[in-house]
Amino acid sequence: MVLAGGAGTRIRHLLPDLPKPLAPVAGQPFLHWVLHYLKEQGVESIVISTGYLGERIERYVAGSGIRGVQCRRESAPLGTAGGFVFAADHSGLQPDAWLICNGDSLALADLSPLFRALDEPGTQAAILGVRVDDAARYGTLQTDPSGRRLVRFAEKRPGAGLVNAGVYLLRTVCLQNIPRNCPLSFEFDLFARLLDGGASIAVVAVDAPFLDIGTEESLRRADRFIAAHVIGRSDSSG
């Protein structure tokens, strides 16, 4: 599941007629790089949760030639988790677990450790955490003493930290008691509800290239990021 429903208010003045995932980066919409990364990781079926200017994303997907991709558009803003639940319910798919990522960020990590973490007995979800030198722009992950289990999502703070990369692996059974058709966030609604219910949520900490394009400054860096970390990899420009 690729989350692509947000309004992108912080950079909308730069993209007046485009949803943020379609921002042009290195000669392609940023979403192109997200989808090809997922394909490289072996993901065969992708659902894109759309909202704001969702018809633009749908047209892009229809003409992209990328197989196994469908879009599900919310009729009103539902937040990241609310949009995910809506799209999952309407996708026609029933996987054992959902891999979830953002359409406006890339954490170029091998995802196999995330799947191994979910295989541990009693684990209901796994979250990818990226170590960064300055966590001021991002929510950080507070873990137990082992560093392998989520305790809570912490507020943004300067300095080195383990940030939430927005990449989750979530067992489908966890959606059974989640409210429908209301705005929900992953950090403060869905995962908070799971933690309150005693769920075990794994944290997989990695050192990996990470970018989100949510600010004017980070969008300016996106071309260099893709050139440095993506272009030249097998099939990346397909």
Protein backbone atom coordinates (compact mmCIF):
# COMPACT_ATOMS: atom_id res chain seq x y z
CA MET A 1 0.00 0.00 0.00
CA VAL A 2 1.39 3.36 -1.06
CA LEU A 3 -0.13 6.32 0.80
CA ALA A 4 -0.65 9.17 -1.66
CA GLY A 5 -3.74 11.01 -0.44
CA GLY A 6 -2.30 14.02 1.36
CA ALA A 7 -2.72 17.61 0.25
CA GLY A 8 0.97 18.50 0.52
CA THR A 9 0.22 21.94 1.95
CA ARG A 10 3.86 22.86 2.71
CA ILE A 11 4.91 22.65 -0.95
CA ARG A 12 1.60 23.19 -2.72
CA HIS A 13 2.80 26.59 -3.98
CA LEU A 14 5.45 24.69 -5.95
CA LEU A 15 3.00 22.10 -7.28
CA PRO A 16 -0.29 23.96 -7.76
CA ASP A 17 -1.81 21.35 -10.08
CA LEU A 18 -0.05 18.18 -8.90
CA PRO A 19 -0.35 15.93 -5.87
CA LYS A 20 2.97 15.70 -4.02
CA PRO A 21 3.82 12.13 -5.18
CA LEU A 22 3.81 13.38 -8.78
CA ALA A 23 6.42 16.06 -8.15
CA PRO A 24 8.96 15.83 -11.00
CA VAL A 25 12.21 14.34 -9.71
CA ALA A 26 15.12 13.25 -11.92
CA GLY A 27 12.94 13.24 -15.01
CA GLN A 28 10.08 11.22 -13.53
CA PRO A 29 7.25 11.70 -11.04
CA PHE A 30 8.59 10.88 -7.56
CA LEU A 31 5.99 8.11 -7.40
CA HIS A 32 7.83 6.38 -10.26
CA TRP A 33 10.86 5.88 -8.02
CA VAL A 34 8.69 4.61 -5.15
CA LEU A 35 6.93 2.04 -7.32
CA HIS A 36 10.13 0.81 -8.93
CA TYR A 37 11.78 0.47 -5.53
CA LEU A 38 8.87 -1.70 -4.38
CA LYS A 39 9.08 -3.79 -7.54
CA GLU A 40 12.81 -4.28 -6.94
CA GLN A 41 11.94 -5.52 -3.46
CA GLY A 42 9.71 -8.20 -4.96
CA VAL A 43 6.32 -6.56 -4.38
CA GLU A 44 4.01 -7.77 -7.15
CA SER A 45 0.68 -6.18 -6.19
CA ILE A 46 0.44 -2.52 -5.16
CA VAL A 47 -2.56 -0.48 -4.03
CA ILE A 48 -2.23 3.32 -4.04
CA SER A 49 -4.41 5.15 -1.54
CA THR A 50 -5.31 8.47 -3.17
CA GLY A 51 -7.28 11.55 -2.20
CA TYR A 52 -6.22 15.09 -3.10
CA LEU A 53 -5.95 15.31 -6.92
CA GLY A 54 -6.27 11.54 -6.97
CA GLU A 55 -7.42 11.57 -10.58
CA ARG A 56 -3.95 12.79 -11.59
CA ILE A 57 -2.33 9.80 -9.90
CA GLU A 58 -4.85 7.45 -11.48
CA ARG A 59 -4.04 8.83 -14.95
CA TYR A 60 -0.33 8.47 -14.30
CA VAL A 61 -0.70 4.85 -13.18
CA ALA A 62 -2.90 4.00 -16.17
CA GLY A 63 -0.25 5.28 -18.56
CA SER A 64 2.84 4.12 -16.70
CA GLY A 65 2.91 0.55 -17.94
CA ILE A 66 3.71 -0.67 -14.41
CA ARG A 67 1.79 -3.87 -13.82
CA GLY A 68 -0.08 -4.91 -10.71
CA VAL A 69 -0.98 -1.40 -9.52
CA GLN A 70 -4.46 -0.21 -8.58
CA CYS A 71 -5.74 3.03 -7.04
CA ARG A 72 -8.42 3.50 -4.40
CA ARG A 73 -9.57 7.09 -3.80
CA GLU A 74 -11.08 8.30 -0.54
CA SER A 75 -14.07 10.63 -0.92
CA ALA A 76 -13.08 12.75 2.10
CA PRO A 77 -9.73 13.21 3.87
CA LEU A 78 -9.17 10.23 6.18
CA GLY A 79 -5.57 10.69 7.28
CA THR A 80 -2.81 8.19 6.63
CA ALA A 81 -4.27 5.25 8.54
CA GLY A 82 -7.87 6.05 7.65
CA GLY A 83 -6.98 6.21 3.97
CA PHE A 84 -5.07 2.95 4.24
CA VAL A 85 -7.99 1.14 5.90
CA PHE A 86 -10.41 2.46 3.26
CA ALA A 87 -8.15 1.41 0.39
CA ALA A 88 -7.47 -2.00 1.94
CA ASP A 89 -11.21 -2.63 2.40
CA HIS A 90 -11.92 -1.73 -1.24
CA SER A 91 -8.90 -3.38 -2.84
CA GLY A 92 -10.36 -6.86 -3.13
CA LEU A 93 -7.15 -8.22 -1.59
CA GLN A 94 -6.82 -10.31 1.57
CA PRO A 95 -3.10 -10.66 2.32
CA ASP A 96 -1.85 -11.99 5.62
CA ALA A 97 -0.12 -8.65 6.11
CA TRP A 98 0.12 -5.27 4.41
CA LEU A 99 3.38 -3.54 3.57
CA ILE A 100 2.70 0.19 3.81
CA CYS A 101 4.86 3.10 2.66
CA ASN A 102 4.50 6.75 1.71
CA GLY A 103 4.23 8.07 -1.81
CA ASP A 104 6.34 11.11 -0.92
CA SER A 105 9.31 9.43 0.76
CA LEU A 106 11.89 6.75 0.10
CA ALA A 107 13.88 4.68 2.58
CA LEU A 108 16.17 2.60 0.38
CA ALA A 109 16.52 -0.36 2.73
CA ASP A 110 16.32 -4.09 2.16
CA LEU A 111 12.83 -4.99 3.40
CA SER A 112 13.53 -8.65 4.18
CA PRO A 113 14.42 -7.94 7.86
CA LEU A 114 10.98 -6.36 8.26
CA PHE A 115 9.32 -9.59 7.14
CA ARG A 116 11.56 -11.67 9.39
CA ALA A 117 10.59 -9.47 12.34
CA LEU A 118 6.89 -10.04 11.68
CA ASP A 119 7.53 -13.81 11.73
CA GLU A 120 8.59 -13.63 15.38
CA PRO A 121 5.93 -15.20 17.65
CA GLY A 122 3.31 -12.76 18.89
CA THR A 123 4.40 -9.86 16.68
CA GLN A 124 1.50 -7.98 15.12
CA ALA A 125 3.39 -5.29 13.20
CA ALA A 126 6.88 -4.15 12.29
CA ILE A 127 8.15 -0.62 11.69
CA LEU A 128 11.23 0.48 9.77
CA GLY A 129 13.36 2.97 11.68
CA VAL A 130 16.18 4.87 10.00
CA ARG A 131 19.11 6.24 11.97
CA VAL A 132 19.70 9.90 11.11
CA ASP A 133 22.11 12.57 12.32
CA ASP A 134 19.35 15.12 12.91
CA ALA A 135 15.82 14.02 13.78
CA ALA A 136 14.44 17.56 14.10
CA ARG A 137 12.01 17.14 11.18
CA TYR A 138 10.78 13.67 12.05
CA GLY A 139 8.94 11.76 14.72
CA THR A 140 11.28 9.41 16.54
CA LEU A 141 10.72 5.87 17.75
CA GLN A 142 11.10 5.08 21.43
CA THR A 143 11.96 1.42 21.94
CA ASP A 144 12.35 -0.94 24.88
CA PRO A 145 15.85 -1.65 26.30
CA SER A 146 16.45 -4.30 23.62
CA GLY A 147 15.92 -1.69 20.89
CA ARG A 148 13.65 -4.14 19.08
CA ARG A 149 10.15 -3.32 20.37
CA LEU A 150 8.16 -0.11 20.05
CA VAL A 151 7.17 1.66 23.25
CA ARG A 152 5.75 4.82 21.70
CA PHE A 153 6.15 7.43 19.00
CA ALA A 154 8.04 10.42 20.37
CA GLU A 155 7.87 14.06 19.34
CA LYS A 156 10.29 15.67 16.91
CA ARG A 157 13.60 16.60 18.52
CA PRO A 158 16.98 17.78 17.27
CA GLY A 159 20.04 15.57 17.34
CA ALA A 160 20.75 12.02 16.23
CA GLY A 161 17.90 9.58 16.52
CA LEU A 162 15.91 6.69 15.12
CA VAL A 163 13.17 8.18 12.97
CA ASN A 164 9.97 6.69 11.70
CA ALA A 165 10.54 6.04 7.98
CA GLY A 166 6.81 5.58 7.34
CA VAL A 167 7.33 1.97 6.27
CA TYR A 168 5.17 -0.54 8.11
CA LEU A 169 4.31 -4.23 7.92
CA LEU A 170 0.94 -4.85 9.53
CA ARG A 171 -1.00 -8.06 9.95
CA THR A 172 -4.41 -7.77 8.31
CA VAL A 173 -6.08 -9.14 11.44
CA CYS A 174 -5.13 -5.87 13.17
CA LEU A 175 -7.71 -4.02 11.04
CA GLN A 176 -10.71 -5.86 12.47
CA ASN A 177 -11.49 -3.36 15.22
CA ILE A 178 -10.23 -0.18 13.58
CA PRO A 179 -12.95 2.47 13.02
CA ARG A 180 -13.98 3.10 9.43
CA ASN A 181 -14.69 6.31 7.54
CA CYS A 182 -13.06 8.66 10.03
CA PRO A 183 -9.67 10.39 10.01
CA LEU A 184 -6.93 8.29 11.61
CA SER A 185 -3.16 8.52 11.80
CA PHE A 186 -0.82 5.57 12.06
CA GLU A 187 1.30 6.96 14.86
CA PHE A 188 -1.34 8.32 17.22
CA ASP A 189 -4.42 6.26 16.38
CA LEU A 190 -3.81 2.87 14.77
CA PHE A 191 -0.51 1.95 16.43
CA ALA A 192 -1.50 3.62 19.70
CA ARG A 193 -4.64 1.48 19.75
CA LEU A 194 -2.57 -1.66 19.12
CA LEU A 195 -0.08 -0.78 21.88
CA ASP A 196 -2.89 -0.04 24.32
CA GLY A 197 -4.27 -3.48 23.54
CA GLY A 198 -0.96 -5.13 24.37
CA ALA A 199 0.23 -5.79 20.82
CA SER A 200 3.91 -6.43 20.21
CA ILE A 201 5.28 -4.10 17.52
CA ALA A 202 8.80 -4.76 16.24
CA VAL A 203 11.20 -2.00 15.27
CA VAL A 204 13.79 -2.76 12.59
CA ALA A 205 16.56 -0.17 12.76
CA VAL A 206 18.62 0.40 9.62
CA ASP A 207 21.21 2.71 8.15
CA ALA A 208 19.82 3.55 4.73
CA PRO A 209 19.48 6.52 2.35
CA PHE A 210 16.26 8.30 3.32
CA LEU A 211 14.40 11.21 1.78
CA ASP A 212 10.97 12.72 2.03
CA ILE A 213 9.90 15.54 -0.25
CA GLY A 214 7.58 17.25 2.21
CA THR A 215 9.43 20.57 2.39
CA GLU A 216 10.76 22.98 -0.19
CA GLU A 217 14.34 22.27 0.90
CA SER A 218 13.98 18.48 0.74
CA LEU A 219 12.27 18.67 -2.65
CA ARG A 220 15.24 20.65 -3.96
CA ARG A 221 17.53 17.83 -2.80
CA ALA A 222 15.46 15.09 -4.44
CA ASP A 223 17.16 15.14 -7.85
CA ARG A 224 20.58 14.68 -6.25
CA PHE A 225 19.27 11.95 -3.96
CA ILE A 226 17.84 9.90 -6.84
CA ALA A 227 20.95 10.44 -8.95
CA ALA A 228 23.19 9.31 -6.10
CA HIS A 229 21.21 6.36 -4.75
CA VAL A 230 18.81 5.08 -7.42
CA ILE A 231 19.75 5.84 -11.02
CA GLY A 232 21.99 3.12 -12.40
CA ARG A 233 20.47 0.35 -10.33
CA SER A 234 18.92 -2.48 -12.33
CA ASP A 235 15.68 -1.47 -14.05
CA SER A 236 15.40 1.74 -12.00
CA SER A 237 14.61 3.92 -14.99
CA GLY A 238 12.27 1.37 -16.60
